[in-house]
């Protein structure tokens, strides 16, 4: 048990993460980049709403990790997590 904890601690120091689900940043970085691109505020207009961003991702064929369409809630979580970084 002690060896496993030491190994997990070394991995966390080296990579920053050891356990848990993989994030969208790790599994689908192109999805993150597309959300950021769509949400970027144009010079002479308004930023796309979260709902319209989700619809645009659906039109482009992006899917969630489970294979379902991208939802408004998922876009919101990704946007607000990206802002915190």
PDB file of N, CA and C in Angstrom:
ATOM      1  N   UNK A   1       0.820  -1.191   0.000  1.00  0.00           N
ATOM      2  CA  UNK A   1       0.000   0.000   0.000  1.00  0.00           C
ATOM      3  C   UNK A   1       0.867   1.260   0.000  1.00  0.00           C
ATOM      4  N   UNK A   2       1.932   1.222   0.768  1.00  0.00           N
ATOM      5  CA  UNK A   2       2.821   2.371   0.855  1.00  0.00           C
ATOM      6  C   UNK A   2       3.535   2.609  -0.474  1.00  0.00           C
ATOM      7  N   UNK A   3       3.906   1.538  -1.172  1.00  0.00           N
ATOM      8  CA  UNK A   3       4.574   1.680  -2.463  1.00  0.00           C
ATOM      9  C   UNK A   3       3.654   2.312  -3.498  1.00  0.00           C
ATOM     10  N   UNK A   4       2.365   1.970  -3.458  1.00  0.00           N
ATOM     11  CA  UNK A   4       1.416   2.563  -4.406  1.00  0.00           C
ATOM     12  C   UNK A   4       1.264   4.054  -4.164  1.00  0.00           C
ATOM     13  N   UNK A   5       1.174   4.475  -2.914  1.00  0.00           N
ATOM     14  CA  UNK A   5       1.043   5.894  -2.599  1.00  0.00           C
ATOM     15  C   UNK A   5       2.266   6.661  -3.060  1.00  0.00           C
ATOM     16  N   UNK A   6       3.442   6.107  -2.814  1.00  0.00           N
ATOM     17  CA  UNK A   6       4.675   6.767  -3.239  1.00  0.00           C
ATOM     18  C   UNK A   6       4.722   6.896  -4.762  1.00  0.00           C
ATOM     19  N   UNK A   7       4.283   5.855  -5.449  1.00  0.00           N
ATOM     20  CA  UNK A   7       4.260   5.892  -6.908  1.00  0.00           C
ATOM     21  C   UNK A   7       3.266   6.933  -7.420  1.00  0.00           C
ATOM     22  N   UNK A   8       2.083   7.000  -6.793  1.00  0.00           N
ATOM     23  CA  UNK A   8       1.091   8.009  -7.184  1.00  0.00           C
ATOM     24  C   UNK A   8       1.623   9.421  -6.947  1.00  0.00           C
ATOM     25  N   UNK A   9       2.276   9.623  -5.830  1.00  0.00           N
ATOM     26  CA  UNK A   9       2.839  10.940  -5.527  1.00  0.00           C
ATOM     27  C   UNK A   9       3.899  11.338  -6.547  1.00  0.00           C
ATOM     28  N   UNK A  10       4.758  10.406  -6.945  1.00  0.00           N
ATOM     29  CA  UNK A  10       5.771  10.705  -7.972  1.00  0.00           C
ATOM     30  C   UNK A  10       5.115  11.060  -9.297  1.00  0.00           C
ATOM     31  N   UNK A  11       4.068  10.318  -9.657  1.00  0.00           N
ATOM     32  CA  UNK A  11       3.378  10.587 -10.924  1.00  0.00           C
ATOM     33  C   UNK A  11       2.702  11.955 -10.882  1.00  0.00           C
ATOM     34  N   UNK A  12       2.094  12.306  -9.757  1.00  0.00           N
ATOM     35  CA  UNK A  12       1.442  13.615  -9.627  1.00  0.00           C
ATOM     36  C   UNK A  12       2.440  14.748  -9.749  1.00  0.00           C
ATOM     37  N   UNK A  13       3.621  14.568  -9.173  1.00  0.00           N
ATOM     38  CA  UNK A  13       4.663  15.592  -9.270  1.00  0.00           C
ATOM     39  C   UNK A  13       5.138  15.724 -10.714  1.00  0.00           C
ATOM     40  N   UNK A  14       5.294  14.594 -11.385  1.00  0.00           N
ATOM     41  CA  UNK A  14       5.834  14.583 -12.748  1.00  0.00           C
ATOM     42  C   UNK A  14       4.824  15.095 -13.778  1.00  0.00           C
ATOM     43  N   UNK A  15       3.579  14.621 -13.718  1.00  0.00           N
ATOM     44  CA  UNK A  15       2.596  14.963 -14.750  1.00  0.00           C
ATOM     45  C   UNK A  15       1.490  15.878 -14.270  1.00  0.00           C
ATOM     46  N   UNK A  16       1.320  16.013 -12.953  1.00  0.00           N
ATOM     47  CA  UNK A  16       0.267  16.863 -12.424  1.00  0.00           C
ATOM     48  C   UNK A  16      -1.038  16.127 -12.185  1.00  0.00           C
ATOM     49  N   UNK A  17      -1.149  14.888 -12.649  1.00  0.00           N
ATOM     50  CA  UNK A  17      -2.384  14.131 -12.489  1.00  0.00           C
ATOM     51  C   UNK A  17      -2.045  12.648 -12.436  1.00  0.00           C
ATOM     52  N   UNK A  18      -2.791  11.933 -11.607  1.00  0.00           N
ATOM     53  CA  UNK A  18      -2.536  10.498 -11.498  1.00  0.00           C
ATOM     54  C   UNK A  18      -3.821   9.694 -11.608  1.00  0.00           C
ATOM     55  N   UNK A  19      -4.875  10.165 -10.975  1.00  0.00           N
ATOM     56  CA  UNK A  19      -6.104   9.384 -10.914  1.00  0.00           C
ATOM     57  C   UNK A  19      -7.262  10.189 -11.490  1.00  0.00           C
ATOM     58  N   UNK A  20      -8.380   9.536 -11.708  1.00  0.00           N
ATOM     59  CA  UNK A  20      -9.591  10.207 -12.156  1.00  0.00           C
ATOM     60  C   UNK A  20      -9.789  10.105 -13.664  1.00  0.00           C
ATOM     61  N   UNK A  21     -10.918  10.643 -14.107  1.00  0.00           N
ATOM     62  CA  UNK A  21     -11.258  10.634 -15.522  1.00  0.00           C
ATOM     63  C   UNK A  21     -10.359  11.581 -16.287  1.00  0.00           C
ATOM     64  N   UNK A  22     -10.150  11.271 -17.545  1.00  0.00           N
ATOM     65  CA  UNK A  22      -9.406  12.186 -18.400  1.00  0.00           C
ATOM     66  C   UNK A  22     -10.312  13.350 -18.775  1.00  0.00           C
ATOM     67  N   UNK A  23      -9.741  14.532 -18.837  1.00  0.00           N
ATOM     68  CA  UNK A  23     -10.513  15.720 -19.166  1.00  0.00           C
ATOM     69  C   UNK A  23     -10.631  15.858 -20.687  1.00  0.00           C
ATOM     70  N   UNK A  24     -11.507  16.778 -21.112  1.00  0.00           N
ATOM     71  CA  UNK A  24     -11.638  17.042 -22.539  1.00  0.00           C
ATOM     72  C   UNK A  24     -10.347  17.632 -23.093  1.00  0.00           C
ATOM     73  N   UNK A  25      -9.579  18.315 -22.274  1.00  0.00           N
ATOM     74  CA  UNK A  25      -8.293  18.847 -22.715  1.00  0.00           C
ATOM     75  C   UNK A  25      -7.339  17.723 -23.101  1.00  0.00           C
ATOM     76  N   UNK A  26      -7.459  16.594 -22.424  1.00  0.00           N
ATOM     77  CA  UNK A  26      -6.592  15.446 -22.712  1.00  0.00           C
ATOM     78  C   UNK A  26      -7.133  14.592 -23.854  1.00  0.00           C
ATOM     79  N   UNK A  27      -8.466  14.446 -23.933  1.00  0.00           N
ATOM     80  CA  UNK A  27      -9.042  13.536 -24.914  1.00  0.00           C
ATOM     81  C   UNK A  27      -9.421  14.214 -26.223  1.00  0.00           C
ATOM     82  N   UNK A  28      -9.912  15.462 -26.162  1.00  0.00           N
ATOM     83  CA  UNK A  28     -10.371  16.155 -27.365  1.00  0.00           C
ATOM     84  C   UNK A  28      -9.898  17.608 -27.369  1.00  0.00           C
ATOM     85  N   UNK A  29      -8.606  17.845 -27.539  1.00  0.00           N
ATOM     86  CA  UNK A  29      -8.124  19.240 -27.535  1.00  0.00           C
ATOM     87  C   UNK A  29      -8.691  20.059 -28.697  1.00  0.00           C
ATOM     88  N   UNK A  30      -9.061  19.387 -29.793  1.00  0.00           N
ATOM     89  CA  UNK A  30      -9.644  20.128 -30.924  1.00  0.00           C
ATOM     90  C   UNK A  30     -11.021  20.683 -30.568  1.00  0.00           C
ATOM     91  N   UNK A  31     -11.757  20.016 -29.697  1.00  0.00           N
ATOM     92  CA  UNK A  31     -13.048  20.521 -29.225  1.00  0.00           C
ATOM     93  C   UNK A  31     -12.846  21.795 -28.410  1.00  0.00           C
ATOM     94  N   UNK A  32     -11.870  21.796 -27.532  1.00  0.00           N
ATOM     95  CA  UNK A  32     -11.571  22.981 -26.720  1.00  0.00           C
ATOM     96  C   UNK A  32     -11.184  24.150 -27.621  1.00  0.00           C
ATOM     97  N   UNK A  33     -10.330  23.888 -28.599  1.00  0.00           N
ATOM     98  CA  UNK A  33      -9.884  24.942 -29.507  1.00  0.00           C
ATOM     99  C   UNK A  33     -11.052  25.507 -30.304  1.00  0.00           C
ATOM    100  N   UNK A  34     -11.966  24.649 -30.736  1.00  0.00           N
ATOM    101  CA  UNK A  34     -13.127  25.108 -31.509  1.00  0.00           C
ATOM    102  C   UNK A  34     -14.080  25.937 -30.638  1.00  0.00           C
ATOM    103  N   UNK A  35     -14.281  25.537 -29.396  1.00  0.00           N
ATOM    104  CA  UNK A  35     -15.142  26.323 -28.496  1.00  0.00           C
ATOM    105  C   UNK A  35     -14.535  27.705 -28.267  1.00  0.00           C
ATOM    106  N   UNK A  36     -13.239  27.749 -28.039  1.00  0.00           N
ATOM    107  CA  UNK A  36     -12.576  29.042 -27.834  1.00  0.00           C
ATOM    108  C   UNK A  36     -12.704  29.899 -29.084  1.00  0.00           C
ATOM    109  N   UNK A  37     -12.537  29.285 -30.256  1.00  0.00           N
ATOM    110  CA  UNK A  37     -12.648  30.041 -31.504  1.00  0.00           C
ATOM    111  C   UNK A  37     -14.063  30.581 -31.700  1.00  0.00           C
ATOM    112  N   UNK A  38     -15.066  29.754 -31.427  1.00  0.00           N
ATOM    113  CA  UNK A  38     -16.443  30.180 -31.602  1.00  0.00           C
ATOM    114  C   UNK A  38     -16.855  31.249 -30.592  1.00  0.00           C
ATOM    115  N   UNK A  39     -16.332  31.164 -29.379  1.00  0.00           N
ATOM    116  CA  UNK A  39     -16.708  32.106 -28.331  1.00  0.00           C
ATOM    117  C   UNK A  39     -15.925  33.411 -28.377  1.00  0.00           C
ATOM    118  N   UNK A  40     -14.883  33.478 -29.208  1.00  0.00           N
ATOM    119  CA  UNK A  40     -14.090  34.700 -29.300  1.00  0.00           C
ATOM    120  C   UNK A  40     -14.974  35.832 -29.810  1.00  0.00           C
ATOM    121  N   UNK A  41     -14.889  36.979 -29.166  1.00  0.00           N
ATOM    122  CA  UNK A  41     -15.751  38.103 -29.517  1.00  0.00           C
ATOM    123  C   UNK A  41     -15.256  38.767 -30.804  1.00  0.00           C
ATOM    124  N   UNK A  42     -16.130  38.891 -31.803  1.00  0.00           N
ATOM    125  CA  UNK A  42     -15.722  39.564 -33.042  1.00  0.00           C
ATOM    126  C   UNK A  42     -15.592  41.071 -32.807  1.00  0.00           C
ATOM    127  N   UNK A  43     -14.889  41.749 -33.696  1.00  0.00           N
ATOM    128  CA  UNK A  43     -14.671  43.187 -33.525  1.00  0.00           C
ATOM    129  C   UNK A  43     -15.980  43.974 -33.587  1.00  0.00           C
ATOM    130  N   UNK A  44     -16.847  43.665 -34.525  1.00  0.00           N
ATOM    131  CA  UNK A  44     -18.065  44.459 -34.720  1.00  0.00           C
ATOM    132  C   UNK A  44     -19.314  43.654 -34.429  1.00  0.00           C
ATOM    133  N   UNK A  45     -19.326  42.891 -33.386  1.00  0.00           N
ATOM    134  CA  UNK A  45     -20.498  42.084 -33.117  1.00  0.00           C
ATOM    135  C   UNK A  45     -20.519  41.565 -31.703  1.00  0.00           C
ATOM    136  N   UNK A  46     -21.454  40.668 -31.493  1.00  0.00           N
ATOM    137  CA  UNK A  46     -21.595  40.078 -30.171  1.00  0.00           C
ATOM    138  C   UNK A  46     -21.042  38.664 -30.183  1.00  0.00           C
ATOM    139  N   UNK A  47     -20.618  38.246 -29.028  1.00  0.00           N
ATOM    140  CA  UNK A  47     -20.111  36.884 -28.853  1.00  0.00           C
ATOM    141  C   UNK A  47     -21.273  35.909 -28.995  1.00  0.00           C
ATOM    142  N   UNK A  48     -21.005  34.724 -29.555  1.00  0.00           N
ATOM    143  CA  UNK A  48     -22.034  33.691 -29.649  1.00  0.00           C
ATOM    144  C   UNK A  48     -22.478  33.268 -28.255  1.00  0.00           C
ATOM    145  N   UNK A  49     -23.752  33.022 -28.095  1.00  0.00           N
ATOM    146  CA  UNK A  49     -24.243  32.517 -26.817  1.00  0.00           C
ATOM    147  C   UNK A  49     -23.779  31.076 -26.643  1.00  0.00           C
ATOM    148  N   UNK A  50     -23.909  30.585 -25.430  1.00  0.00           N
ATOM    149  CA  UNK A  50     -23.531  29.199 -25.174  1.00  0.00           C
ATOM    150  C   UNK A  50     -24.398  28.239 -25.975  1.00  0.00           C
ATOM    151  N   UNK A  51     -25.684  28.567 -26.087  1.00  0.00           N
ATOM    152  CA  UNK A  51     -26.611  27.715 -26.834  1.00  0.00           C
ATOM    153  C   UNK A  51     -26.235  27.668 -28.315  1.00  0.00           C
ATOM    154  N   UNK A  52     -25.931  28.820 -28.893  1.00  0.00           N
ATOM    155  CA  UNK A  52     -25.557  28.859 -30.310  1.00  0.00           C
ATOM    156  C   UNK A  52     -24.202  28.202 -30.537  1.00  0.00           C
ATOM    157  N   UNK A  53     -23.322  28.288 -29.555  1.00  0.00           N
ATOM    158  CA  UNK A  53     -22.033  27.607 -29.645  1.00  0.00           C
ATOM    159  C   UNK A  53     -22.244  26.095 -29.675  1.00  0.00           C
ATOM    160  N   UNK A  54     -23.132  25.603 -28.799  1.00  0.00           N
ATOM    161  CA  UNK A  54     -23.430  24.166 -28.777  1.00  0.00           C
ATOM    162  C   UNK A  54     -24.050  23.716 -30.095  1.00  0.00           C
ATOM    163  N   UNK A  55     -24.944  24.542 -30.665  1.00  0.00           N
ATOM    164  CA  UNK A  55     -25.559  24.204 -31.950  1.00  0.00           C
ATOM    165  C   UNK A  55     -24.522  24.178 -33.067  1.00  0.00           C
ATOM    166  N   UNK A  56     -23.579  25.133 -33.051  1.00  0.00           N
ATOM    167  CA  UNK A  56     -22.531  25.169 -34.081  1.00  0.00           C
ATOM    168  C   UNK A  56     -21.623  23.939 -33.977  1.00  0.00           C
ATOM    169  N   UNK A  57     -21.328  23.511 -32.765  1.00  0.00           N
ATOM    170  CA  UNK A  57     -20.513  22.307 -32.580  1.00  0.00           C
ATOM    171  C   UNK A  57     -21.250  21.073 -33.072  1.00  0.00           C
ATOM    172  N   UNK A  58     -22.562  21.047 -32.850  1.00  0.00           N
ATOM    173  CA  UNK A  58     -23.373  19.926 -33.327  1.00  0.00           C
ATOM    174  C   UNK A  58     -23.358  19.866 -34.853  1.00  0.00           C
ATOM    175  N   UNK A  59     -23.467  21.036 -35.490  1.00  0.00           N
ATOM    176  CA  UNK A  59     -23.431  21.089 -36.957  1.00  0.00           C
ATOM    177  C   UNK A  59     -22.088  20.624 -37.506  1.00  0.00           C
ATOM    178  N   UNK A  60     -21.016  20.910 -36.777  1.00  0.00           N
ATOM    179  CA  UNK A  60     -19.679  20.511 -37.230  1.00  0.00           C
ATOM    180  C   UNK A  60     -19.371  19.055 -36.925  1.00  0.00           C
ATOM    181  N   UNK A  61     -20.274  18.380 -36.185  1.00  0.00           N
ATOM    182  CA  UNK A  61     -20.112  16.952 -35.950  1.00  0.00           C
ATOM    183  C   UNK A  61     -19.349  16.572 -34.696  1.00  0.00           C
ATOM    184  N   UNK A  62     -19.136  17.510 -33.798  1.00  0.00           N
ATOM    185  CA  UNK A  62     -18.446  17.185 -32.551  1.00  0.00           C
ATOM    186  C   UNK A  62     -19.376  16.392 -31.648  1.00  0.00           C
ATOM    187  N   UNK A  63     -18.808  15.432 -30.943  1.00  0.00           N
ATOM    188  CA  UNK A  63     -19.557  14.587 -30.008  1.00  0.00           C
ATOM    189  C   UNK A  63     -18.869  14.629 -28.647  1.00  0.00           C
ATOM    190  N   UNK A  64     -19.632  14.312 -27.604  1.00  0.00           N
ATOM    191  CA  UNK A  64     -19.060  14.221 -26.264  1.00  0.00           C
ATOM    192  C   UNK A  64     -18.295  12.905 -26.141  1.00  0.00           C
ATOM    193  N   UNK A  65     -17.694  12.679 -24.994  1.00  0.00           N
ATOM    194  CA  UNK A  65     -16.940  11.439 -24.765  1.00  0.00           C
ATOM    195  C   UNK A  65     -17.836  10.209 -24.835  1.00  0.00           C
ATOM    196  N   UNK A  66     -19.115  10.388 -24.529  1.00  0.00           N
ATOM    197  CA  UNK A  66     -20.054   9.268 -24.559  1.00  0.00           C
ATOM    198  C   UNK A  66     -20.679   9.062 -25.930  1.00  0.00           C
ATOM    199  N   UNK A  67     -20.348   9.920 -26.891  1.00  0.00           N
ATOM    200  CA  UNK A  67     -20.874   9.773 -28.244  1.00  0.00           C
ATOM    201  C   UNK A  67     -22.150  10.553 -28.501  1.00  0.00           C
ATOM    202  N   UNK A  68     -22.606  11.331 -27.518  1.00  0.00           N
ATOM    203  CA  UNK A  68     -23.817  12.129 -27.686  1.00  0.00           C
ATOM    204  C   UNK A  68     -23.454  13.506 -28.228  1.00  0.00           C
ATOM    205  N   UNK A  69     -24.472  14.252 -28.658  1.00  0.00           N
ATOM    206  CA  UNK A  69     -24.238  15.616 -29.115  1.00  0.00           C
ATOM    207  C   UNK A  69     -23.739  16.483 -27.959  1.00  0.00           C
ATOM    208  N   UNK A  70     -23.007  17.521 -28.318  1.00  0.00           N
ATOM    209  CA  UNK A  70     -22.503  18.449 -27.315  1.00  0.00           C
ATOM    210  C   UNK A  70     -23.679  19.233 -26.745  1.00  0.00           C
ATOM    211  N   UNK A  71     -23.781  19.265 -25.424  1.00  0.00           N
ATOM    212  CA  UNK A  71     -24.891  19.953 -24.775  1.00  0.00           C
ATOM    213  C   UNK A  71     -24.477  21.353 -24.323  1.00  0.00           C
ATOM    214  N   UNK A  72     -25.475  22.157 -24.026  1.00  0.00           N
ATOM    215  CA  UNK A  72     -25.250  23.499 -23.521  1.00  0.00           C
ATOM    216  C   UNK A  72     -24.473  23.452 -22.212  1.00  0.00           C
ATOM    217  N   UNK A  73     -24.828  22.530 -21.351  1.00  0.00           N
ATOM    218  CA  UNK A  73     -24.175  22.394 -20.043  1.00  0.00           C
ATOM    219  C   UNK A  73     -22.693  22.045 -20.209  1.00  0.00           C
ATOM    220  N   UNK A  74     -22.375  21.176 -21.136  1.00  0.00           N
ATOM    221  CA  UNK A  74     -20.988  20.799 -21.379  1.00  0.00           C
ATOM    222  C   UNK A  74     -20.183  21.995 -21.879  1.00  0.00           C
ATOM    223  N   UNK A  75     -20.756  22.762 -22.805  1.00  0.00           N
ATOM    224  CA  UNK A  75     -20.071  23.945 -23.324  1.00  0.00           C
ATOM    225  C   UNK A  75     -19.830  24.936 -22.187  1.00  0.00           C
ATOM    226  N   UNK A  76     -20.840  25.138 -21.345  1.00  0.00           N
ATOM    227  CA  UNK A  76     -20.711  26.066 -20.218  1.00  0.00           C
ATOM    228  C   UNK A  76     -19.586  25.632 -19.285  1.00  0.00           C
ATOM    229  N   UNK A  77     -19.539  24.353 -18.955  1.00  0.00           N
ATOM    230  CA  UNK A  77     -18.492  23.864 -18.063  1.00  0.00           C
ATOM    231  C   UNK A  77     -17.106  24.034 -18.670  1.00  0.00           C
ATOM    232  N   UNK A  78     -16.966  23.772 -19.943  1.00  0.00           N
ATOM    233  CA  UNK A  78     -15.669  23.920 -20.603  1.00  0.00           C
ATOM    234  C   UNK A  78     -15.264  25.386 -20.671  1.00  0.00           C
ATOM    235  N   UNK A  79     -16.210  26.260 -21.015  1.00  0.00           N
ATOM    236  CA  UNK A  79     -15.895  27.690 -21.124  1.00  0.00           C
ATOM    237  C   UNK A  79     -15.443  28.252 -19.782  1.00  0.00           C
ATOM    238  N   UNK A  80     -16.181  27.979 -18.736  1.00  0.00           N
ATOM    239  CA  UNK A  80     -15.842  28.534 -17.436  1.00  0.00           C
ATOM    240  C   UNK A  80     -14.613  27.891 -16.828  1.00  0.00           C
ATOM    241  N   UNK A  81     -14.320  26.643 -17.159  1.00  0.00           N
ATOM    242  CA  UNK A  81     -13.088  26.017 -16.694  1.00  0.00           C
ATOM    243  C   UNK A  81     -11.896  26.605 -17.438  1.00  0.00           C
ATOM    244  N   UNK A  82     -12.063  26.888 -18.732  1.00  0.00           N
ATOM    245  CA  UNK A  82     -10.981  27.470 -19.538  1.00  0.00           C
ATOM    246  C   UNK A  82     -10.655  28.876 -19.062  1.00  0.00           C
ATOM    247  N   UNK A  83     -11.679  29.623 -18.637  1.00  0.00           N
ATOM    248  CA  UNK A  83     -11.453  30.980 -18.143  1.00  0.00           C
ATOM    249  C   UNK A  83     -10.614  30.943 -16.867  1.00  0.00           C
ATOM    250  N   UNK A  84     -10.873  29.959 -16.001  1.00  0.00           N
ATOM    251  CA  UNK A  84     -10.131  29.846 -14.744  1.00  0.00           C
ATOM    252  C   UNK A  84      -8.661  29.549 -14.980  1.00  0.00           C
ATOM    253  N   UNK A  85      -8.348  28.829 -16.058  1.00  0.00           N
ATOM    254  CA  UNK A  85      -6.950  28.483 -16.328  1.00  0.00           C
ATOM    255  C   UNK A  85      -6.248  29.714 -16.755  1.00  0.00           C
TER     256      UNK A  85
END
